[in-house]
Amino acid sequence: MFHSLVARSAWAVRPSDDLRAGHHDLLIATRRPRGRLAAPPLAAEEYLLVAAPSWARHVEEHPSAEDLCTAVRDVPLVTYADDLPLVRRYWRTVFGKRLAARAAFTVPNLYAVVSALTAGAGHSVLPRSLCEEHLADGRLALLHEPVEPPLNTLFLVQRPGSDANPDVVRVRDRLQHAARTW
């Protein structure tokens, strides 16, 4: 029996505990778990600074448009966590600065961030895979295109012994194949 596949970015419980207890067979993790779990890299996700098109125009027309950090200060920031992990990382990696902003809206997850932005709520940092379609059809606008965008590696973590289950192997192999285009 295939138990489950879970995608997590932060652990309430260590993933190794969940896997070893048999609660899950596979996890997609944004951090390599500690211990002896098999966790090969699955894909690298690229982070983008995006906004609703109306806010992107506002930033372009801002008197300080050449200084993006200043130009986005009065654009509401939407995030999925109060500590702003993706936005802080983007600022540190791309601008070499510490983020001085606070979230105007905090929503439950990255999908809700996308929904809020497409509804016109403001700006945020999102994985390309989550917002690419919205950028292509104009529901979101790219605010910045850095030479080297921040990347985050996704890991596919497998429960020890679960490769004896052909369903787990089939899902793992399909995920690895699909991740080539992420």
Protein backbone atom coordinates (compact mmCIF):
# COMPACT_ATOMS: atom_id res chain seq x y z
CA MET A 1 0.00 0.00 0.00
CA PHE A 2 1.24 3.50 -0.88
CA HIS A 3 1.01 5.60 2.28
CA SER A 4 1.40 9.16 1.09
CA LEU A 5 3.44 11.81 -0.59
CA VAL A 6 3.79 15.06 1.30
CA ALA A 7 5.35 18.35 0.23
CA ARG A 8 6.70 20.40 3.11
CA SER A 9 8.86 23.47 3.54
CA ALA A 10 9.04 23.54 7.33
CA TRP A 11 8.73 20.62 9.66
CA ALA A 12 6.43 20.52 12.66
CA VAL A 13 7.97 17.10 13.24
CA ARG A 14 11.24 15.95 11.73
CA PRO A 15 10.54 14.28 8.38
CA SER A 16 12.68 11.33 9.37
CA ASP A 17 10.29 10.67 12.26
CA ASP A 18 7.26 10.68 9.93
CA LEU A 19 9.00 8.46 7.38
CA ARG A 20 10.43 5.99 9.84
CA ALA A 21 7.04 5.75 11.57
CA GLY A 22 5.53 4.76 8.23
CA HIS A 23 3.25 7.81 7.95
CA HIS A 24 4.69 8.74 4.55
CA ASP A 25 6.62 7.01 1.82
CA LEU A 26 7.90 10.08 0.00
CA LEU A 27 8.38 13.73 0.92
CA ILE A 28 9.31 16.69 -1.23
CA ALA A 29 11.38 18.86 1.07
CA THR A 30 12.91 22.30 0.68
CA ARG A 31 15.73 21.32 3.05
CA ARG A 32 17.84 18.17 3.04
CA PRO A 33 16.83 16.18 6.11
CA ARG A 34 19.43 15.12 8.62
CA GLY A 35 20.21 11.49 9.16
CA ARG A 36 20.54 8.55 6.85
CA LEU A 37 17.50 9.11 4.67
CA ALA A 38 17.90 8.95 0.92
CA ALA A 39 17.25 12.51 -0.26
CA PRO A 40 18.54 13.15 -3.77
CA PRO A 41 18.03 16.61 -5.27
CA LEU A 42 14.80 16.66 -7.25
CA ALA A 43 14.75 20.13 -8.79
CA ALA A 44 15.89 23.69 -8.25
CA GLU A 45 13.16 26.26 -7.88
CA GLU A 46 13.87 29.83 -8.94
CA TYR A 47 12.41 32.71 -6.95
CA LEU A 48 10.87 35.74 -8.67
CA LEU A 49 9.83 39.16 -7.41
CA VAL A 50 6.31 39.65 -8.79
CA ALA A 51 3.30 41.90 -8.38
CA ALA A 52 -0.14 42.58 -9.67
CA PRO A 53 0.20 44.48 -12.99
CA SER A 54 -1.25 47.67 -11.51
CA TRP A 55 1.39 47.64 -8.75
CA ALA A 56 4.14 46.89 -11.28
CA ARG A 57 3.14 50.06 -13.19
CA HIS A 58 3.18 51.97 -9.90
CA VAL A 59 6.75 50.77 -9.24
CA GLU A 60 7.88 51.67 -12.78
CA GLU A 61 6.43 55.18 -12.43
CA HIS A 62 7.82 55.74 -8.90
CA PRO A 63 10.22 58.70 -8.62
CA SER A 64 12.83 56.26 -7.23
CA ALA A 65 12.20 53.59 -9.87
CA GLU A 66 15.95 53.12 -10.40
CA ASP A 67 16.15 51.97 -6.76
CA LEU A 68 13.73 49.05 -6.69
CA CYS A 69 14.06 48.58 -2.93
CA THR A 70 12.78 52.12 -2.41
CA ALA A 71 10.17 51.92 -5.17
CA VAL A 72 8.41 48.89 -3.65
CA ARG A 73 8.24 50.28 -0.09
CA ASP A 74 4.71 51.59 -0.50
CA VAL A 75 3.48 48.49 -2.37
CA PRO A 76 1.73 46.07 0.01
CA LEU A 77 3.78 42.96 0.70
CA VAL A 78 1.89 39.65 0.71
CA THR A 79 3.46 36.56 2.27
CA TYR A 80 2.59 33.17 3.68
CA ALA A 81 4.67 33.57 6.86
CA ASP A 82 5.24 36.46 9.26
CA ASP A 83 9.02 35.99 9.14
CA LEU A 84 9.01 36.54 5.32
CA PRO A 85 11.42 33.70 4.45
CA LEU A 86 11.29 33.93 0.65
CA VAL A 87 11.27 37.72 0.53
CA ARG A 88 14.12 38.03 3.06
CA ARG A 89 16.20 35.53 1.11
CA TYR A 90 15.53 37.34 -2.17
CA TRP A 91 16.60 40.69 -0.68
CA ARG A 92 19.72 39.24 0.88
CA THR A 93 20.75 37.27 -2.22
CA VAL A 94 19.82 39.74 -4.97
CA PHE A 95 20.21 43.14 -3.35
CA GLY A 96 22.74 42.27 -0.65
CA LYS A 97 20.55 44.07 1.86
CA ARG A 98 18.53 43.18 4.87
CA LEU A 99 14.80 43.47 4.22
CA ALA A 100 13.24 46.33 6.16
CA ALA A 101 9.61 45.68 5.16
CA ARG A 102 6.77 44.02 7.01
CA ALA A 103 3.94 42.06 5.47
CA ALA A 104 0.72 43.92 4.76
CA PHE A 105 -1.10 40.59 4.36
CA THR A 106 -0.21 37.13 5.60
CA VAL A 107 -2.10 34.28 3.99
CA PRO A 108 -2.01 30.52 4.71
CA ASN A 109 0.20 29.30 1.84
CA LEU A 110 1.91 30.16 -1.44
CA TYR A 111 -1.21 29.39 -3.49
CA ALA A 112 -3.07 32.00 -1.45
CA VAL A 113 -0.23 34.47 -2.12
CA VAL A 114 -0.70 33.90 -5.87
CA SER A 115 -4.46 34.42 -5.52
CA ALA A 116 -4.00 37.59 -3.50
CA LEU A 117 -1.52 39.03 -5.99
CA THR A 118 -3.67 38.25 -9.02
CA ALA A 119 -6.54 39.97 -7.22
CA GLY A 120 -4.37 43.10 -6.99
CA ALA A 121 -3.15 42.88 -3.39
CA GLY A 122 0.48 43.90 -3.92
CA HIS A 123 3.84 42.15 -4.41
CA SER A 124 5.76 39.13 -3.17
CA VAL A 125 8.47 36.60 -3.98
CA LEU A 126 7.27 33.30 -5.42
CA PRO A 127 8.74 30.17 -6.97
CA ARG A 128 8.70 30.42 -10.77
CA SER A 129 6.76 27.16 -11.06
CA LEU A 130 3.87 28.65 -9.09
CA CYS A 131 3.54 31.92 -10.99
CA GLU A 132 4.86 31.21 -14.50
CA GLU A 133 1.40 30.72 -16.01
CA HIS A 134 0.17 33.94 -14.37
CA LEU A 135 3.16 35.86 -15.74
CA ALA A 136 2.59 34.45 -19.23
CA ASP A 137 -1.05 35.53 -19.36
CA GLY A 138 -0.50 38.92 -17.72
CA ARG A 139 -2.21 38.30 -14.38
CA LEU A 140 1.16 38.92 -12.69
CA ALA A 141 4.13 41.08 -13.66
CA LEU A 142 7.81 40.53 -13.02
CA LEU A 143 9.27 43.40 -11.01
CA HIS A 144 12.91 42.48 -11.31
CA GLU A 145 15.11 40.19 -13.37
CA PRO A 146 18.36 39.61 -11.50
CA VAL A 147 21.44 38.25 -13.24
CA GLU A 148 21.48 35.36 -10.76
CA PRO A 149 18.02 34.68 -9.30
CA PRO A 150 17.88 32.96 -5.91
CA LEU A 151 17.44 29.21 -6.16
CA ASN A 152 16.26 26.63 -3.70
CA THR A 153 16.85 22.91 -4.09
CA LEU A 154 13.93 20.54 -3.63
CA PHE A 155 14.78 17.09 -2.30
CA LEU A 156 12.86 13.86 -2.76
CA VAL A 157 13.03 12.01 0.55
CA GLN A 158 12.07 8.34 0.60
CA ARG A 159 11.19 6.15 3.57
CA PRO A 160 13.76 3.40 4.12
CA GLY A 161 12.49 0.13 2.74
CA SER A 162 9.66 1.69 0.73
CA ASP A 163 11.37 0.91 -2.57
CA ALA A 164 10.08 -2.66 -2.12
CA ASN A 165 6.66 -1.22 -2.98
CA PRO A 166 6.26 -0.87 -6.76
CA ASP A 167 3.74 1.99 -6.32
CA VAL A 168 6.30 4.03 -4.39
CA VAL A 169 8.94 3.35 -7.03
CA ARG A 170 6.51 4.32 -9.80
CA VAL A 171 5.56 7.62 -8.10
CA ARG A 172 9.20 8.40 -7.27
CA ASP A 173 10.29 7.75 -10.87
CA ARG A 174 7.46 9.87 -12.28
CA LEU A 175 8.30 12.73 -9.94
CA GLN A 176 11.96 12.56 -10.94
CA HIS A 177 11.01 12.55 -14.61
CA ALA A 178 8.52 15.41 -14.25
CA ALA A 179 10.96 17.50 -12.18
CA ARG A 180 13.24 17.86 -15.21
CA THR A 181 10.81 20.45 -16.57
CA TRP A 182 10.11 22.29 -13.31
